[in-house]
Amino acid sequence: MPLKSTAHGFSYVEVLVAAFLIGMALVPAMDALKTGISSNSIGQSLSVQHYQRLSKMEQLQTEKFINLLAAAKTAVNSTTASSYSDAAGTANRRLVYLSLYDADANPFTITDPNTDSDNDPYTGTTANLLWLKVQTEGSNQALETLISR
């Protein structure tokens, strides 16, 4: 008389195949999880830098125009960081650029009509609008605005 099998369940081979497939699927899933976690820290860092730039911009907007004008004159051009920049070596150093602005095709070319006879474009009627830029050192993330007298 043949033996009747009453055993129910999975065979050893079926369990091994299933474990292998699950293991193979977990490798890319873990890589995706690692990428997601690192993206979160990068996003948090960029957010912190943004609010630090915004804080510096607001601080400069409360500064007296005459002080900003003097700093722009000292910086000489729109590509030289001004004295309002953070000290060298500061984490997330914010660079501040100031320059006269005249709103034509090349806004950083100020011609002084020299009506006050001092040969200085930072005095007289041309010095009514300043361009202000706050940038995090080592990145192209920046905030810009114009400030008037």
C-alpha atoms as a PDB file:
ATOM      1  CA  MET A   1       0.000   0.000   0.000  1.00  0.00           C
ATOM      2  CA  PRO A   2       1.447   3.359  -1.048  1.00  0.00           C
ATOM      3  CA  LEU A   3       2.128   5.967   1.594  1.00  0.00           C
ATOM      4  CA  LYS A   4      -0.051   8.995   1.360  1.00  0.00           C
ATOM      5  CA  SER A   5       1.770  12.287   2.008  1.00  0.00           C
ATOM      6  CA  THR A   6      -0.050  14.686   4.274  1.00  0.00           C
ATOM      7  CA  ALA A   7       2.788  17.218   4.518  1.00  0.00           C
ATOM      8  CA  HIS A   8       1.939  20.744   3.431  1.00  0.00           C
ATOM      9  CA  GLY A   9       4.347  23.646   2.898  1.00  0.00           C
ATOM     10  CA  PHE A  10       7.422  24.620   0.929  1.00  0.00           C
ATOM     11  CA  SER A  11      10.308  22.452  -0.042  1.00  0.00           C
ATOM     12  CA  TYR A  12      13.871  23.321   0.894  1.00  0.00           C
ATOM     13  CA  VAL A  13      14.682  24.321  -2.719  1.00  0.00           C
ATOM     14  CA  GLU A  14      11.699  26.681  -2.893  1.00  0.00           C
ATOM     15  CA  VAL A  15      12.817  28.424   0.312  1.00  0.00           C
ATOM     16  CA  LEU A  16      16.385  28.823  -1.030  1.00  0.00           C
ATOM     17  CA  VAL A  17      15.155  30.322  -4.322  1.00  0.00           C
ATOM     18  CA  ALA A  18      12.865  32.743  -2.484  1.00  0.00           C
ATOM     19  CA  ALA A  19      15.654  33.837  -0.115  1.00  0.00           C
ATOM     20  CA  PHE A  20      18.012  34.376  -3.071  1.00  0.00           C
ATOM     21  CA  LEU A  21      15.438  36.523  -4.936  1.00  0.00           C
ATOM     22  CA  ILE A  22      14.721  38.630  -1.856  1.00  0.00           C
ATOM     23  CA  GLY A  23      18.461  39.137  -1.306  1.00  0.00           C
ATOM     24  CA  MET A  24      18.952  40.256  -4.902  1.00  0.00           C
ATOM     25  CA  ALA A  25      16.057  42.720  -4.635  1.00  0.00           C
ATOM     26  CA  LEU A  26      17.358  44.238  -1.383  1.00  0.00           C
ATOM     27  CA  VAL A  27      20.698  45.389  -2.845  1.00  0.00           C
ATOM     28  CA  PRO A  28      19.252  48.105  -5.156  1.00  0.00           C
ATOM     29  CA  ALA A  29      16.650  49.011  -2.535  1.00  0.00           C
ATOM     30  CA  MET A  30      19.384  49.703   0.023  1.00  0.00           C
ATOM     31  CA  ASP A  31      21.312  51.811  -2.529  1.00  0.00           C
ATOM     32  CA  ALA A  32      18.188  53.876  -3.168  1.00  0.00           C
ATOM     33  CA  LEU A  33      17.687  54.337   0.559  1.00  0.00           C
ATOM     34  CA  LYS A  34      21.306  55.469   0.996  1.00  0.00           C
ATOM     35  CA  THR A  35      20.881  58.041  -1.815  1.00  0.00           C
ATOM     36  CA  GLY A  36      17.681  59.336  -0.241  1.00  0.00           C
ATOM     37  CA  ILE A  37      19.313  59.783   3.148  1.00  0.00           C
ATOM     38  CA  SER A  38      22.310  61.662   1.707  1.00  0.00           C
ATOM     39  CA  SER A  39      19.972  63.882  -0.361  1.00  0.00           C
ATOM     40  CA  ASN A  40      18.229  64.913   2.830  1.00  0.00           C
ATOM     41  CA  SER A  41      21.475  66.114   4.438  1.00  0.00           C
ATOM     42  CA  ILE A  42      22.459  68.019   1.274  1.00  0.00           C
ATOM     43  CA  GLY A  43      19.045  69.690   1.177  1.00  0.00           C
ATOM     44  CA  GLN A  44      19.329  70.638   4.826  1.00  0.00           C
ATOM     45  CA  SER A  45      22.783  72.162   4.239  1.00  0.00           C
ATOM     46  CA  LEU A  46      21.530  74.215   1.256  1.00  0.00           C
ATOM     47  CA  SER A  47      18.571  75.395   3.305  1.00  0.00           C
ATOM     48  CA  VAL A  48      20.832  76.544   6.148  1.00  0.00           C
ATOM     49  CA  GLN A  49      23.061  78.432   3.685  1.00  0.00           C
ATOM     50  CA  HIS A  50      20.012  80.095   2.097  1.00  0.00           C
ATOM     51  CA  TYR A  51      18.763  81.421   5.420  1.00  0.00           C
ATOM     52  CA  GLN A  52      22.261  82.613   6.342  1.00  0.00           C
ATOM     53  CA  ARG A  53      22.421  84.589   3.063  1.00  0.00           C
ATOM     54  CA  LEU A  54      18.941  85.948   3.704  1.00  0.00           C
ATOM     55  CA  SER A  55      19.959  87.040   7.199  1.00  0.00           C
ATOM     56  CA  LYS A  56      23.009  88.888   5.824  1.00  0.00           C
ATOM     57  CA  MET A  57      20.866  90.519   3.114  1.00  0.00           C
ATOM     58  CA  GLU A  58      18.371  91.776   5.702  1.00  0.00           C
ATOM     59  CA  GLN A  59      21.211  93.045   7.882  1.00  0.00           C
ATOM     60  CA  LEU A  60      22.611  95.027   4.927  1.00  0.00           C
ATOM     61  CA  GLN A  61      19.213  96.453   4.022  1.00  0.00           C
ATOM     62  CA  THR A  62      19.043  98.044   7.472  1.00  0.00           C
ATOM     63  CA  GLU A  63      22.499  99.597   7.056  1.00  0.00           C
ATOM     64  CA  LYS A  64      22.740 103.315   6.252  1.00  0.00           C
ATOM     65  CA  PHE A  65      23.107 103.998   2.524  1.00  0.00           C
ATOM     66  CA  ILE A  66      26.158 106.196   3.064  1.00  0.00           C
ATOM     67  CA  ASN A  67      27.982 103.289   4.782  1.00  0.00           C
ATOM     68  CA  LEU A  68      27.128 100.904   1.933  1.00  0.00           C
ATOM     69  CA  LEU A  69      28.265 103.520  -0.571  1.00  0.00           C
ATOM     70  CA  ALA A  70      31.619 103.830   1.223  1.00  0.00           C
ATOM     71  CA  ALA A  71      32.060 100.041   1.176  1.00  0.00           C
ATOM     72  CA  ALA A  72      31.238  99.970  -2.560  1.00  0.00           C
ATOM     73  CA  LYS A  73      33.823 102.666  -3.170  1.00  0.00           C
ATOM     74  CA  THR A  74      36.436 100.648  -1.255  1.00  0.00           C
ATOM     75  CA  ALA A  75      35.577  97.440  -3.146  1.00  0.00           C
ATOM     76  CA  VAL A  76      36.072  99.337  -6.446  1.00  0.00           C
ATOM     77  CA  ASN A  77      34.120  96.919  -8.697  1.00  0.00           C
ATOM     78  CA  SER A  78      31.302  94.363  -8.713  1.00  0.00           C
ATOM     79  CA  THR A  79      33.622  91.346  -8.528  1.00  0.00           C
ATOM     80  CA  THR A  80      35.560  92.281  -5.381  1.00  0.00           C
ATOM     81  CA  ALA A  81      34.061  91.211  -2.053  1.00  0.00           C
ATOM     82  CA  SER A  82      33.364  94.125   0.289  1.00  0.00           C
ATOM     83  CA  SER A  83      34.214  94.635   3.943  1.00  0.00           C
ATOM     84  CA  TYR A  84      30.708  93.401   4.865  1.00  0.00           C
ATOM     85  CA  SER A  85      31.759  89.842   3.929  1.00  0.00           C
ATOM     86  CA  ASP A  86      32.302  87.304   6.701  1.00  0.00           C
ATOM     87  CA  ALA A  87      35.853  86.772   7.943  1.00  0.00           C
ATOM     88  CA  ALA A  88      38.023  84.342   5.987  1.00  0.00           C
ATOM     89  CA  GLY A  89      37.850  80.810   7.343  1.00  0.00           C
ATOM     90  CA  THR A  90      34.262  81.172   8.577  1.00  0.00           C
ATOM     91  CA  ALA A  91      32.045  78.153   7.885  1.00  0.00           C
ATOM     92  CA  ASN A  92      29.562  78.920   5.083  1.00  0.00           C
ATOM     93  CA  ARG A  93      31.315  82.272   4.559  1.00  0.00           C
ATOM     94  CA  ARG A  94      29.020  84.873   3.020  1.00  0.00           C
ATOM     95  CA  LEU A  95      30.635  87.161   0.465  1.00  0.00           C
ATOM     96  CA  VAL A  96      29.051  90.582  -0.023  1.00  0.00           C
ATOM     97  CA  TYR A  97      29.461  92.425  -3.309  1.00  0.00           C
ATOM     98  CA  LEU A  98      28.492  96.095  -3.652  1.00  0.00           C
ATOM     99  CA  SER A  99      28.629  98.323  -6.690  1.00  0.00           C
ATOM    100  CA  LEU A 100      27.057 101.403  -8.192  1.00  0.00           C
ATOM    101  CA  TYR A 101      24.276 100.548 -10.627  1.00  0.00           C
ATOM    102  CA  ASP A 102      22.976 102.618 -13.540  1.00  0.00           C
ATOM    103  CA  ALA A 103      20.402 100.298 -15.225  1.00  0.00           C
ATOM    104  CA  ASP A 104      21.627 100.490 -18.827  1.00  0.00           C
ATOM    105  CA  ALA A 105      23.040  97.772 -21.102  1.00  0.00           C
ATOM    106  CA  ASN A 106      26.107  97.455 -18.846  1.00  0.00           C
ATOM    107  CA  PRO A 107      24.855  98.439 -15.387  1.00  0.00           C
ATOM    108  CA  PHE A 108      28.273  98.492 -13.715  1.00  0.00           C
ATOM    109  CA  THR A 109      29.763 101.184 -15.968  1.00  0.00           C
ATOM    110  CA  ILE A 110      29.103 104.420 -14.165  1.00  0.00           C
ATOM    111  CA  THR A 111      30.145 107.568 -15.944  1.00  0.00           C
ATOM    112  CA  ASP A 112      30.561 110.507 -13.623  1.00  0.00           C
ATOM    113  CA  PRO A 113      29.457 113.730 -15.286  1.00  0.00           C
ATOM    114  CA  ASN A 114      31.837 115.295 -12.753  1.00  0.00           C
ATOM    115  CA  THR A 115      29.436 118.107 -11.925  1.00  0.00           C
ATOM    116  CA  ASP A 116      30.998 118.294  -8.479  1.00  0.00           C
ATOM    117  CA  SER A 117      34.565 118.484  -9.963  1.00  0.00           C
ATOM    118  CA  ASP A 118      36.006 115.700  -7.820  1.00  0.00           C
ATOM    119  CA  ASN A 119      36.481 112.980 -10.506  1.00  0.00           C
ATOM    120  CA  ASP A 120      34.792 110.464  -8.190  1.00  0.00           C
ATOM    121  CA  PRO A 121      31.774 108.476  -9.522  1.00  0.00           C
ATOM    122  CA  TYR A 122      30.774 107.614  -5.941  1.00  0.00           C
ATOM    123  CA  THR A 123      29.711 111.207  -5.251  1.00  0.00           C
ATOM    124  CA  GLY A 124      27.262 113.547  -6.941  1.00  0.00           C
ATOM    125  CA  THR A 125      24.120 112.539  -8.842  1.00  0.00           C
ATOM    126  CA  THR A 126      25.325 109.146 -10.125  1.00  0.00           C
ATOM    127  CA  ALA A 127      25.493 107.491  -6.692  1.00  0.00           C
ATOM    128  CA  ASN A 128      21.774 106.922  -6.089  1.00  0.00           C
ATOM    129  CA  LEU A 129      21.448 103.190  -6.710  1.00  0.00           C
ATOM    130  CA  LEU A 130      23.565 100.347  -5.301  1.00  0.00           C
ATOM    131  CA  TRP A 131      23.617  96.723  -6.426  1.00  0.00           C
ATOM    132  CA  LEU A 132      24.014  94.286  -3.555  1.00  0.00           C
ATOM    133  CA  LYS A 133      24.815  90.568  -3.789  1.00  0.00           C
ATOM    134  CA  VAL A 134      25.269  88.044  -0.975  1.00  0.00           C
ATOM    135  CA  GLN A 135      26.849  84.754  -2.059  1.00  0.00           C
ATOM    136  CA  THR A 136      28.010  81.701  -0.139  1.00  0.00           C
ATOM    137  CA  GLU A 137      31.717  81.184  -0.801  1.00  0.00           C
ATOM    138  CA  GLY A 138      32.406  78.223  -3.075  1.00  0.00           C
ATOM    139  CA  SER A 139      28.890  78.052  -4.539  1.00  0.00           C
ATOM    140  CA  ASN A 140      26.852  79.913  -7.125  1.00  0.00           C
ATOM    141  CA  GLN A 141      23.934  80.311  -4.723  1.00  0.00           C
ATOM    142  CA  ALA A 142      23.341  84.024  -4.159  1.00  0.00           C
ATOM    143  CA  LEU A 143      20.765  86.696  -3.418  1.00  0.00           C
ATOM    144  CA  GLU A 144      20.769  90.066  -5.207  1.00  0.00           C
ATOM    145  CA  THR A 145      18.900  93.320  -4.740  1.00  0.00           C
ATOM    146  CA  LEU A 146      19.103  97.023  -5.490  1.00  0.00           C
ATOM    147  CA  ILE A 147      19.160  99.654  -2.755  1.00  0.00           C
ATOM    148  CA  SER A 148      18.432 103.318  -3.358  1.00  0.00           C
ATOM    149  CA  ARG A 149      19.229 106.430  -1.394  1.00  0.00           C
END
